[in-house]
Amino acid sequence: KAGTRSGQSHTGAMSGPDEIYDGVFKQCGIIRAPDVASLYEWAFALAAQPPLRGKRIAICTHSGGPATSLADACERLGFEVPEFSPQLQRKIREQIPETGSPRNPVDVTFSVDMEGLYYRLPELILSSGEVDGLILHGVEGESYYHHYIGVAPKTFKFPLEEMRRYLEAVFKKLAELPQRFSKPIVASSFMGREDSAVAQVQDSGIPCYPTPDRAVLAMKALYLRGKFTS
């Protein structure tokens, strides 16, 4: 109501009851964002990714905390996070450390096999036919690994510049998967565009959000688009 009063000063003829706009938008397939930040974030996903044609979501992450956050957020929004079949779990187990989990969410427990997390596992999961879309958490590059090397220098032996070029090639392959399988991929990272990997994955066409829940909300926008266009 307060917004209506404000609008009367310049676009008064266009303002009206909020419920009417909700009804019109749903009939026209317009996805209504609750705020400006969501408007931009969802628009990125809708412009760059194919629609989500079902509710089955795969989660692939480098640590357990974000995996749990993503799984909870998915279920709150009505998505399913199905446990993978034994056959798919066996194939995933071959790609991850013994401490990891192949069930869904897939947790690689801070593995430094970056091509595994950013390409081989997403390809394997999307090709299985067991899910409709994938959320990837843990996109991190130079700024993250600069700190990682300071804590555990013996576990990471790539020169950072070489790592940046290597990840750029990996993300190009990742970006081909959504069109190849007609299934969307969205990502999240606690790093921003100041990190080379986040900038690279976004520039390749994979939306990457600053928190897991915002990645799930973007996937929900893709699901609503898929429902309207199915």
Protein backbone atom coordinates (compact mmCIF):
# COMPACT_ATOMS: atom_id res chain seq x y z
CA LYS A 1 0.00 0.00 0.00
CA ALA A 2 2.83 2.40 0.78
CA GLY A 3 4.36 1.63 -2.62
CA THR A 4 1.02 2.37 -4.27
CA ARG A 5 0.93 5.80 -2.62
CA SER A 6 4.42 6.51 -3.87
CA GLY A 7 3.59 5.37 -7.39
CA GLN A 8 0.59 7.68 -7.62
CA SER A 9 2.94 10.62 -7.91
CA HIS A 10 4.20 9.51 -11.34
CA THR A 11 2.71 6.19 -12.55
CA GLY A 12 -0.50 6.16 -10.55
CA ALA A 13 -2.59 4.69 -13.33
CA MET A 14 -0.41 1.55 -13.33
CA SER A 15 -0.61 0.80 -9.61
CA GLY A 16 -3.12 -1.61 -8.15
CA PRO A 17 -3.64 -4.48 -5.71
CA ASP A 18 -0.58 -6.67 -5.36
CA GLU A 19 -2.63 -9.86 -5.63
CA ILE A 20 -3.83 -8.88 -9.11
CA TYR A 21 -0.28 -8.49 -10.34
CA ASP A 22 0.65 -11.86 -8.87
CA GLY A 23 -2.19 -13.48 -10.80
CA VAL A 24 -1.33 -11.76 -14.06
CA PHE A 25 2.35 -12.63 -13.74
CA LYS A 26 1.59 -16.33 -13.12
CA GLN A 27 -0.69 -16.51 -16.15
CA CYS A 28 1.95 -14.87 -18.34
CA GLY A 29 4.89 -16.92 -17.07
CA ILE A 30 6.56 -13.94 -15.41
CA ILE A 31 8.77 -14.98 -12.49
CA ARG A 32 8.44 -12.40 -9.76
CA ALA A 33 11.60 -11.59 -7.83
CA PRO A 34 11.21 -10.31 -4.25
CA ASP A 35 14.02 -7.76 -4.48
CA VAL A 36 16.45 -6.14 -6.90
CA ALA A 37 19.35 -8.46 -6.00
CA SER A 38 17.24 -11.52 -6.83
CA LEU A 39 16.09 -9.87 -10.05
CA TYR A 40 19.65 -9.65 -11.34
CA GLU A 41 20.72 -13.04 -9.99
CA TRP A 42 17.75 -14.90 -11.44
CA ALA A 43 18.00 -13.06 -14.74
CA PHE A 44 21.60 -14.30 -15.07
CA ALA A 45 20.48 -17.91 -14.57
CA LEU A 46 17.48 -17.59 -16.91
CA ALA A 47 19.60 -16.01 -19.63
CA ALA A 48 22.52 -18.43 -19.39
CA GLN A 49 21.07 -21.84 -18.46
CA PRO A 50 18.42 -24.21 -19.86
CA PRO A 51 15.20 -24.55 -17.87
CA LEU A 52 15.00 -27.10 -15.08
CA ARG A 53 12.55 -29.80 -16.21
CA GLY A 54 12.18 -31.70 -12.93
CA LYS A 55 12.77 -31.51 -9.19
CA ARG A 56 15.75 -33.87 -8.82
CA ILE A 57 18.86 -31.90 -7.85
CA ALA A 58 22.44 -33.12 -7.57
CA ILE A 59 24.81 -31.34 -5.21
CA CYS A 60 28.57 -31.50 -5.64
CA THR A 61 30.80 -29.69 -3.17
CA HIS A 62 34.27 -29.64 -1.63
CA SER A 63 33.10 -29.77 2.00
CA GLY A 64 30.29 -31.05 4.17
CA GLY A 65 28.92 -27.80 5.62
CA PRO A 66 27.87 -26.26 2.29
CA ALA A 67 26.59 -29.66 1.16
CA THR A 68 24.20 -29.77 4.12
CA SER A 69 23.15 -26.15 3.64
CA LEU A 70 22.39 -26.78 -0.02
CA ALA A 71 20.45 -29.97 0.69
CA ASP A 72 18.33 -28.26 3.35
CA ALA A 73 17.65 -25.26 1.10
CA CYS A 74 16.64 -27.53 -1.77
CA GLU A 75 14.15 -29.47 0.32
CA ARG A 76 12.66 -26.28 1.80
CA LEU A 77 11.88 -25.12 -1.75
CA GLY A 78 10.31 -28.42 -2.75
CA PHE A 79 13.24 -29.98 -4.60
CA GLU A 80 14.39 -33.56 -4.20
CA VAL A 81 18.00 -34.49 -3.45
CA PRO A 82 17.82 -38.20 -4.31
CA GLU A 83 20.40 -40.69 -3.14
CA PHE A 84 22.27 -41.94 -6.18
CA SER A 85 21.95 -45.50 -7.37
CA PRO A 86 24.62 -48.00 -6.25
CA GLN A 87 25.97 -48.08 -9.80
CA LEU A 88 26.46 -44.31 -9.94
CA GLN A 89 27.90 -44.23 -6.42
CA ARG A 90 30.54 -46.78 -7.45
CA LYS A 91 31.58 -44.61 -10.38
CA ILE A 92 31.73 -41.49 -8.20
CA ARG A 93 33.71 -43.34 -5.51
CA GLU A 94 36.44 -43.94 -8.08
CA GLN A 95 36.77 -40.17 -8.52
CA ILE A 96 36.89 -38.96 -4.91
CA PRO A 97 39.07 -39.51 -1.82
CA GLU A 98 38.23 -42.27 0.66
CA THR A 99 36.97 -39.62 3.07
CA GLY A 100 34.46 -38.30 0.53
CA SER A 101 30.78 -39.18 0.09
CA PRO A 102 29.31 -40.39 -3.24
CA ARG A 103 25.66 -40.49 -2.18
CA ASN A 104 24.27 -37.01 -3.04
CA PRO A 105 25.32 -34.55 -1.90
CA VAL A 106 28.70 -35.55 -3.29
CA ASP A 107 31.39 -34.27 -0.93
CA VAL A 108 35.00 -34.47 -2.16
CA THR A 109 36.36 -33.25 1.22
CA PHE A 110 38.82 -30.60 0.09
CA SER A 111 40.32 -32.70 -2.69
CA VAL A 112 42.74 -30.69 -4.83
CA ASP A 113 41.65 -32.62 -7.93
CA MET A 114 40.05 -29.54 -9.47
CA GLU A 115 39.16 -31.11 -12.81
CA GLY A 116 37.36 -33.85 -10.87
CA LEU A 117 35.18 -31.40 -8.95
CA TYR A 118 34.65 -28.91 -11.75
CA TYR A 119 34.20 -31.22 -14.72
CA ARG A 120 34.48 -35.02 -14.41
CA LEU A 121 31.99 -35.38 -11.56
CA PRO A 122 29.41 -32.95 -13.07
CA GLU A 123 29.68 -34.77 -16.42
CA LEU A 124 29.28 -38.16 -14.78
CA ILE A 125 26.29 -37.06 -12.69
CA LEU A 126 24.42 -35.23 -15.47
CA SER A 127 24.94 -38.10 -17.91
CA SER A 128 23.46 -40.61 -15.45
CA GLY A 129 19.82 -39.64 -16.03
CA GLU A 130 19.25 -39.64 -12.26
CA VAL A 131 18.94 -35.85 -11.82
CA ASP A 132 17.48 -32.82 -13.60
CA GLY A 133 20.04 -30.19 -12.57
CA LEU A 134 23.22 -29.69 -10.58
CA ILE A 135 24.44 -27.22 -7.96
CA LEU A 136 28.20 -26.94 -7.60
CA HIS A 137 29.76 -25.36 -4.52
CA GLY A 138 33.40 -24.49 -3.99
CA VAL A 139 34.48 -22.43 -7.00
CA GLU A 140 37.82 -21.07 -5.83
CA GLY A 141 41.01 -19.93 -7.50
CA GLU A 142 44.09 -17.85 -6.86
CA SER A 143 42.91 -15.80 -3.90
CA TYR A 144 41.70 -18.90 -2.03
CA TYR A 145 44.70 -21.07 -2.81
CA HIS A 146 47.09 -18.30 -1.83
CA HIS A 147 45.81 -18.79 1.73
CA TYR A 148 45.62 -22.58 1.31
CA ILE A 149 49.31 -22.75 0.41
CA GLY A 150 50.15 -20.75 3.52
CA VAL A 151 48.42 -23.31 5.72
CA ALA A 152 49.37 -26.55 3.92
CA PRO A 153 52.17 -25.82 1.42
CA LYS A 154 53.05 -29.47 0.80
CA THR A 155 49.56 -30.44 -0.46
CA PHE A 156 49.36 -27.91 -3.29
CA LYS A 157 52.26 -27.68 -5.72
CA PHE A 158 50.80 -25.72 -8.66
CA PRO A 159 52.25 -22.27 -9.35
CA LEU A 160 49.23 -19.95 -9.01
CA GLU A 161 49.50 -18.52 -12.53
CA GLU A 162 49.65 -22.02 -13.99
CA MET A 163 46.61 -22.96 -11.89
CA ARG A 164 44.65 -19.98 -13.26
CA ARG A 165 45.26 -21.09 -16.86
CA TYR A 166 44.46 -24.69 -15.99
CA LEU A 167 41.13 -23.75 -14.38
CA GLU A 168 40.17 -21.57 -17.33
CA ALA A 169 40.37 -24.62 -19.59
CA VAL A 170 38.40 -26.74 -17.10
CA PHE A 171 35.62 -24.16 -16.80
CA LYS A 172 35.26 -23.97 -20.57
CA LYS A 173 34.51 -27.70 -20.59
CA LEU A 174 32.13 -27.31 -17.63
CA ALA A 175 30.23 -24.59 -19.51
CA GLU A 176 29.46 -27.01 -22.34
CA LEU A 177 27.61 -29.48 -20.11
CA PRO A 178 24.26 -27.65 -19.64
CA GLN A 179 23.56 -27.50 -23.37
CA ARG A 180 24.98 -30.97 -23.96
CA PHE A 181 22.59 -32.57 -21.45
CA SER A 182 19.82 -29.90 -21.46
CA LYS A 183 20.19 -29.60 -17.70
CA PRO A 184 21.15 -26.45 -15.77
CA ILE A 185 24.20 -25.93 -13.58
CA VAL A 186 24.44 -23.15 -11.01
CA ALA A 187 27.28 -22.64 -8.55
CA SER A 188 28.08 -20.95 -5.28
CA SER A 189 31.28 -19.78 -3.65
CA PHE A 190 32.25 -17.83 -0.59
CA MET A 191 34.65 -15.91 -2.86
CA GLY A 192 33.60 -13.06 -5.16
CA ARG A 193 34.76 -11.89 -8.57
CA GLU A 194 38.03 -10.78 -7.03
CA ASP A 195 38.86 -14.50 -7.21
CA SER A 196 39.96 -15.56 -10.69
CA ALA A 197 38.01 -18.83 -10.63
CA VAL A 198 34.69 -17.13 -9.79
CA ALA A 199 35.23 -14.59 -12.57
CA GLN A 200 36.13 -17.34 -15.03
CA VAL A 201 33.15 -19.56 -14.26
CA GLN A 202 30.72 -16.63 -14.42
CA ASP A 203 32.22 -15.40 -17.68
CA SER A 204 31.85 -18.88 -19.15
CA GLY A 205 28.08 -18.73 -18.51
CA ILE A 206 27.71 -20.65 -15.23
CA PRO A 207 25.99 -18.41 -12.64
CA CYS A 208 27.94 -18.38 -9.38
CA TYR A 209 26.36 -16.94 -6.23
CA PRO A 210 27.87 -15.79 -2.92
CA THR A 211 25.85 -18.17 -0.70
CA PRO A 212 24.40 -21.67 -1.20
CA ASP A 213 20.80 -20.60 -0.59
CA ARG A 214 20.96 -17.98 -3.36
CA ALA A 215 22.13 -20.64 -5.78
CA VAL A 216 19.11 -22.75 -4.84
CA LEU A 217 16.77 -19.79 -5.33
CA ALA A 218 18.19 -19.25 -8.82
CA MET A 219 17.57 -22.93 -9.55
CA LYS A 220 13.97 -22.43 -8.41
CA ALA A 221 13.60 -19.66 -11.01
CA LEU A 222 14.84 -22.10 -13.64
CA TYR A 223 12.29 -24.64 -12.42
CA LEU A 224 9.44 -22.13 -12.71
CA ARG A 225 10.57 -21.33 -16.24
CA GLY A 226 10.64 -25.02 -17.05
CA LYS A 227 7.11 -25.54 -15.72
CA PHE A 228 5.73 -22.71 -17.83
CA THR A 229 7.49 -23.77 -21.03
CA SER A 230 6.92 -27.54 -20.72
